[in-house]
Amino acid sequence: MDKKAKKILFSTYWKNGWIDSKDRVLSDEDFEYAKSKGLMFDPLSISHDECIDAITNLVGEISREKIAKGFVSSLSSHRLDWRSSLSSYSIAKNIPKHKYMPVISGTSYTDGKPTSRSFACGVCKDSQYGVVGRKNYEGADLNVLNFERIKWGGVRQGDILYTYFDLSQFKITEIPEPTSDDIQCFKEILETIESSDSTDYPSSLEKRLAPVLKSSKSERQVLIEILASIGVLKPGSYDRPIKGRNDWVFVEYWRGEDKYCHEAVSEYFDKYL
């Protein structure tokens, strides 16, 4: 990854925290340089149906073996963009090829009366908990998606635009074989999950993974969400109390008593175990 292009991408969105959109500065020269290195992109307009068609094609063009290799190889290399694609691939495989079917996804109220509604695709929504498909994406900022993908391993897993973008970038990426350190780290992650106390919430697991994986809190949170999105952290029930406000999506209802799903691990990672 080109260091100068990465610095341009990161400095556009982040300086000890998010840079407000009105304060972002990006020169044409810097943009063209980062774009030439494949780290920044022109805005994209794409419909739901075009996005689903592209996702369907990408799933057929990327092997499960490469996806698993990318995830494991990311653990010591800190290439979080390789890690992200595991979630996108699994989500993509669960989404059937279909046309946009709108359902109400949210309602705004004024004085107790509904004033406006938002819509999303019902087929996408029903394909997997946490998946969202909008009718159209107009002038979408792919650069912020790429920033989040490289910095944390993605934060918008479940949005079909991110699924499409993530897989399209992974397809053209060369992935090295995992090292022994990568494989050992992955085994320790599984052991940490398996040793969870029965009452542990996802936030407890995040803290317990800190000594296992060189990472920030945000990176560990995304890692946990990725494992949940592919069914490794599979909730035993969706009828469970939620502790306070949180940003969890796929893993929200997982508890320590659920441990990890051996079948889901085997599906992707048998080669490394």
Protein backbone atom coordinates (compact mmCIF):
# COMPACT_ATOMS: atom_id res chain seq x y z
CA MET A 1 0.00 0.00 0.00
CA ASP A 2 1.44 3.34 -1.05
CA LYS A 3 2.31 5.30 2.12
CA LYS A 4 1.79 8.75 0.63
CA ALA A 5 -1.63 7.83 -0.79
CA LYS A 6 -2.66 6.29 2.52
CA LYS A 7 -1.60 9.46 4.37
CA ILE A 8 -3.68 11.58 1.96
CA LEU A 9 -6.72 9.35 2.49
CA PHE A 10 -6.40 9.30 6.28
CA SER A 11 -5.67 13.01 6.67
CA THR A 12 -8.83 13.81 4.70
CA TYR A 13 -11.07 12.25 7.35
CA TRP A 14 -9.11 11.90 10.59
CA LYS A 15 -6.99 13.99 12.93
CA ASN A 16 -7.22 12.73 16.51
CA GLY A 17 -10.84 12.02 15.62
CA TRP A 18 -13.22 12.60 12.73
CA ILE A 19 -12.75 15.82 10.75
CA ASP A 20 -16.08 17.54 10.21
CA SER A 21 -17.16 17.49 6.57
CA LYS A 22 -17.06 21.30 6.35
CA ASP A 23 -13.42 21.29 7.52
CA ARG A 24 -12.07 18.61 5.16
CA VAL A 25 -9.37 19.74 2.77
CA LEU A 26 -8.23 17.71 -0.24
CA SER A 27 -6.35 19.26 -3.14
CA ASP A 28 -6.93 18.07 -6.69
CA GLU A 29 -3.27 17.06 -6.87
CA ASP A 30 -3.46 14.91 -3.74
CA PHE A 31 -6.73 13.34 -4.85
CA GLU A 32 -5.34 12.42 -8.25
CA TYR A 33 -2.24 10.92 -6.64
CA ALA A 34 -4.21 8.79 -4.16
CA LYS A 35 -6.60 7.83 -6.95
CA SER A 36 -3.70 6.70 -9.15
CA LYS A 37 -2.58 4.39 -6.33
CA GLY A 38 -6.04 2.87 -5.95
CA LEU A 39 -6.82 4.38 -2.54
CA MET A 40 -9.25 7.14 -3.51
CA PHE A 41 -12.12 7.12 -5.97
CA ASP A 42 -14.60 9.29 -7.83
CA PRO A 43 -18.13 9.42 -6.34
CA LEU A 44 -20.29 6.47 -7.35
CA SER A 45 -23.95 6.42 -8.31
CA ILE A 46 -25.46 2.96 -8.42
CA SER A 47 -28.94 1.51 -8.00
CA HIS A 48 -29.88 -1.28 -5.62
CA ASP A 49 -30.44 -3.68 -8.52
CA GLU A 50 -27.08 -2.87 -10.11
CA CYS A 51 -25.39 -3.32 -6.74
CA ILE A 52 -26.98 -6.72 -6.15
CA ASP A 53 -26.02 -7.88 -9.66
CA ALA A 54 -22.41 -6.81 -9.05
CA ILE A 55 -22.31 -8.50 -5.63
CA THR A 56 -23.65 -11.74 -7.11
CA ASN A 57 -20.92 -11.70 -9.76
CA LEU A 58 -18.17 -10.92 -7.24
CA VAL A 59 -19.12 -13.83 -4.98
CA GLY A 60 -18.74 -16.13 -7.95
CA GLU A 61 -15.32 -14.71 -8.77
CA ILE A 62 -13.73 -14.86 -5.30
CA SER A 63 -12.92 -18.17 -3.62
CA ARG A 64 -13.75 -18.91 -0.01
CA GLU A 65 -10.13 -20.01 0.40
CA LYS A 66 -8.82 -16.55 -0.53
CA ILE A 67 -11.31 -14.90 1.83
CA ALA A 68 -10.17 -17.09 4.75
CA LYS A 69 -6.52 -16.51 3.87
CA GLY A 70 -7.09 -12.76 3.88
CA PHE A 71 -8.67 -12.81 7.32
CA VAL A 72 -5.99 -14.95 8.97
CA SER A 73 -3.16 -13.07 7.24
CA SER A 74 -4.52 -9.79 8.61
CA LEU A 75 -4.00 -10.74 12.24
CA SER A 76 -0.28 -9.98 12.54
CA SER A 77 0.19 -7.83 9.42
CA HIS A 78 -2.43 -5.34 10.59
CA ARG A 79 -3.94 -5.21 7.10
CA LEU A 80 -7.46 -4.67 8.33
CA ASP A 81 -8.78 -4.24 4.78
CA TRP A 82 -8.02 -7.94 4.19
CA ARG A 83 -9.99 -8.79 7.34
CA SER A 84 -13.12 -6.91 6.33
CA SER A 85 -13.87 -9.02 3.27
CA LEU A 86 -14.71 -12.10 5.33
CA SER A 87 -17.86 -10.38 6.55
CA SER A 88 -18.72 -8.94 3.13
CA TYR A 89 -18.31 -12.33 1.46
CA SER A 90 -20.49 -14.14 3.97
CA ILE A 91 -23.18 -11.46 3.80
CA ALA A 92 -23.08 -11.51 0.00
CA LYS A 93 -23.58 -15.27 -0.09
CA ASN A 94 -26.74 -14.91 2.00
CA ILE A 95 -28.33 -12.27 -0.26
CA PRO A 96 -30.37 -13.82 -3.10
CA LYS A 97 -30.31 -12.15 -6.50
CA HIS A 98 -33.43 -9.97 -6.53
CA LYS A 99 -34.99 -6.65 -7.42
CA TYR A 100 -35.62 -3.83 -4.95
CA MET A 101 -38.67 -4.50 -2.76
CA PRO A 102 -39.34 -1.51 -0.48
CA VAL A 103 -40.45 -1.84 3.13
CA ILE A 104 -40.68 0.85 5.81
CA SER A 105 -37.41 1.02 7.72
CA GLY A 106 -38.12 4.04 9.90
CA THR A 107 -40.80 6.58 10.82
CA SER A 108 -40.43 10.16 12.08
CA TYR A 109 -43.05 11.63 14.40
CA THR A 110 -44.12 15.16 15.31
CA ASP A 111 -46.50 15.60 18.24
CA GLY A 112 -47.13 11.88 18.20
CA LYS A 113 -48.12 11.81 14.53
CA PRO A 114 -46.06 10.20 11.73
CA THR A 115 -44.60 12.89 9.44
CA SER A 116 -42.19 10.96 7.21
CA ARG A 117 -41.01 7.44 6.51
CA SER A 118 -37.79 5.93 5.21
CA PHE A 119 -37.59 2.79 3.12
CA ALA A 120 -35.14 -0.04 2.49
CA CYS A 121 -35.22 -3.33 0.61
CA GLY A 122 -37.23 -6.02 2.37
CA VAL A 123 -35.42 -8.88 0.61
CA CYS A 124 -32.03 -7.57 1.76
CA LYS A 125 -33.40 -7.04 5.27
CA ASP A 126 -34.74 -10.59 5.46
CA SER A 127 -31.56 -12.17 4.07
CA GLN A 128 -29.67 -11.62 7.34
CA TYR A 129 -30.07 -9.57 10.48
CA GLY A 130 -28.26 -6.25 10.01
CA VAL A 131 -28.29 -6.12 6.19
CA VAL A 132 -29.53 -2.89 4.57
CA GLY A 133 -30.19 -2.16 0.90
CA ARG A 134 -31.31 1.26 -0.30
CA LYS A 135 -33.05 1.93 -3.62
CA ASN A 136 -30.35 4.23 -4.98
CA TYR A 137 -26.90 5.41 -3.95
CA GLU A 138 -26.31 8.83 -5.50
CA GLY A 139 -22.78 10.27 -5.54
CA ALA A 140 -21.68 7.86 -2.81
CA ASP A 141 -18.37 8.68 -1.11
CA LEU A 142 -16.26 5.54 -1.60
CA ASN A 143 -13.27 7.25 -0.02
CA VAL A 144 -14.77 7.30 3.46
CA LEU A 145 -15.65 3.63 3.04
CA ASN A 146 -12.05 2.88 2.11
CA PHE A 147 -10.74 4.92 5.03
CA GLU A 148 -12.93 2.95 7.47
CA ARG A 149 -11.98 -0.31 5.77
CA ILE A 150 -8.24 0.29 6.12
CA LYS A 151 -8.30 1.90 9.58
CA TRP A 152 -10.70 -0.43 11.40
CA GLY A 153 -11.62 -3.26 9.03
CA GLY A 154 -14.84 -1.50 8.01
CA VAL A 155 -17.72 -0.22 10.09
CA ARG A 156 -20.64 -0.48 7.65
CA GLN A 157 -20.76 -4.23 7.15
CA GLY A 158 -24.32 -5.02 6.17
CA ASP A 159 -24.82 -2.05 3.85
CA ILE A 160 -24.88 -3.52 0.35
CA LEU A 161 -22.87 -0.60 -1.06
CA TYR A 162 -20.05 -1.43 1.35
CA THR A 163 -20.38 -5.14 0.52
CA TYR A 164 -19.96 -4.34 -3.16
CA PHE A 165 -17.04 -1.94 -2.66
CA ASP A 166 -15.20 -4.17 -0.21
CA LEU A 167 -15.40 -7.27 -2.42
CA SER A 168 -14.48 -5.36 -5.57
CA GLN A 169 -11.28 -4.17 -3.87
CA PHE A 170 -10.48 -7.56 -2.35
CA LYS A 171 -10.84 -9.25 -5.73
CA ILE A 172 -7.87 -7.33 -7.15
CA THR A 173 -5.68 -7.73 -4.03
CA GLU A 174 -2.84 -10.24 -3.74
CA ILE A 175 -3.01 -12.02 -0.38
CA PRO A 176 0.06 -13.73 1.15
CA GLU A 177 -0.06 -17.04 2.97
CA PRO A 178 -0.67 -16.66 6.72
CA THR A 179 2.39 -16.91 8.93
CA SER A 180 2.69 -19.18 11.95
CA ASP A 181 2.09 -16.09 14.11
CA ASP A 182 -1.16 -15.41 12.24
CA ILE A 183 -2.40 -18.95 12.77
CA GLN A 184 -1.42 -18.98 16.43
CA CYS A 185 -3.20 -15.65 16.98
CA PHE A 186 -6.36 -17.03 15.37
CA LYS A 187 -6.27 -20.11 17.61
CA GLU A 188 -5.88 -17.88 20.67
CA ILE A 189 -8.87 -15.79 19.59
CA LEU A 190 -10.99 -18.95 19.44
CA GLU A 191 -9.66 -20.14 22.82
CA THR A 192 -10.52 -16.76 24.35
CA ILE A 193 -14.07 -16.96 23.01
CA GLU A 194 -14.46 -20.56 24.20
CA SER A 195 -13.33 -19.63 27.72
CA SER A 196 -15.93 -16.85 28.05
CA ASP A 197 -18.04 -16.74 31.19
CA SER A 198 -21.65 -17.68 30.48
CA THR A 199 -22.89 -14.17 31.34
CA ASP A 200 -20.33 -12.27 29.22
CA TYR A 201 -21.63 -9.62 26.84
CA PRO A 202 -19.77 -8.66 23.62
CA SER A 203 -18.09 -5.78 25.46
CA SER A 204 -16.53 -8.28 27.88
CA LEU A 205 -15.16 -10.32 25.00
CA GLU A 206 -13.65 -7.17 23.47
CA LYS A 207 -11.70 -6.49 26.65
CA ARG A 208 -10.55 -10.11 26.96
CA LEU A 209 -9.17 -10.04 23.42
CA ALA A 210 -6.87 -7.08 24.15
CA PRO A 211 -3.84 -9.20 25.20
CA VAL A 212 -4.40 -11.65 22.33
CA LEU A 213 -4.39 -9.26 19.38
CA LYS A 214 -2.32 -6.14 18.80
CA SER A 215 -5.20 -3.75 18.22
CA SER A 216 -7.24 -0.80 19.37
CA LYS A 217 -10.62 -1.11 21.05
CA SER A 218 -12.38 -0.12 17.82
CA GLU A 219 -10.45 -2.72 15.82
CA ARG A 220 -11.42 -5.45 18.29
CA GLN A 221 -15.06 -4.37 18.14
CA VAL A 222 -15.04 -4.67 14.35
CA LEU A 223 -13.28 -8.05 14.56
CA ILE A 224 -16.03 -9.31 16.86
CA GLU A 225 -18.73 -8.00 14.50
CA ILE A 226 -17.04 -9.74 11.55
CA LEU A 227 -16.97 -13.06 13.40
CA ALA A 228 -20.61 -12.60 14.36
CA SER A 229 -21.65 -11.76 10.80
CA ILE A 230 -20.34 -15.11 9.53
CA GLY A 231 -21.93 -17.07 12.38
CA VAL A 232 -18.81 -17.82 14.43
CA LEU A 233 -20.31 -15.77 17.27
CA LYS A 234 -23.85 -17.05 16.89
CA PRO A 235 -26.48 -15.96 19.43
CA GLY A 236 -28.29 -18.82 21.08
CA SER A 237 -31.36 -16.56 21.27
CA TYR A 238 -32.53 -13.19 19.99
CA ASP A 239 -34.83 -12.81 22.99
CA ARG A 240 -32.30 -11.40 25.43
CA PRO A 241 -32.02 -8.13 27.34
CA ILE A 242 -29.67 -5.47 26.00
CA LYS A 243 -27.30 -3.72 28.40
CA GLY A 244 -27.56 0.03 27.83
CA ARG A 245 -27.03 1.80 24.51
CA ASN A 246 -24.44 0.31 22.19
CA ASP A 247 -23.35 0.17 18.56
CA TRP A 248 -23.32 -3.61 18.20
CA VAL A 249 -25.19 -5.06 15.22
CA PHE A 250 -24.50 -8.72 14.35
CA VAL A 251 -23.16 -9.68 17.79
CA GLU A 252 -25.66 -7.76 19.92
CA TYR A 253 -27.47 -10.86 21.21
CA TRP A 254 -24.39 -13.09 21.65
CA ARG A 255 -23.53 -14.08 25.21
CA GLY A 256 -20.58 -15.97 26.67
CA GLU A 257 -22.62 -19.14 27.09
CA ASP A 258 -22.84 -19.37 23.27
CA LYS A 259 -19.04 -19.77 22.93
CA TYR A 260 -18.26 -20.11 19.19
CA CYS A 261 -19.90 -22.11 16.43
CA HIS A 262 -17.53 -24.90 15.41
CA GLU A 263 -19.37 -25.48 12.13
CA ALA A 264 -18.91 -21.86 11.03
CA VAL A 265 -15.22 -21.97 11.95
CA SER A 266 -14.78 -25.23 10.07
CA GLU A 267 -16.50 -23.84 6.98
CA TYR A 268 -13.79 -21.22 6.51
CA PHE A 269 -10.75 -22.12 8.60
CA ASP A 270 -10.27 -25.89 8.73
CA LYS A 271 -7.04 -25.51 6.76
CA TYR A 272 -5.49 -23.44 9.57
CA LEU A 273 -6.61 -25.56 12.50
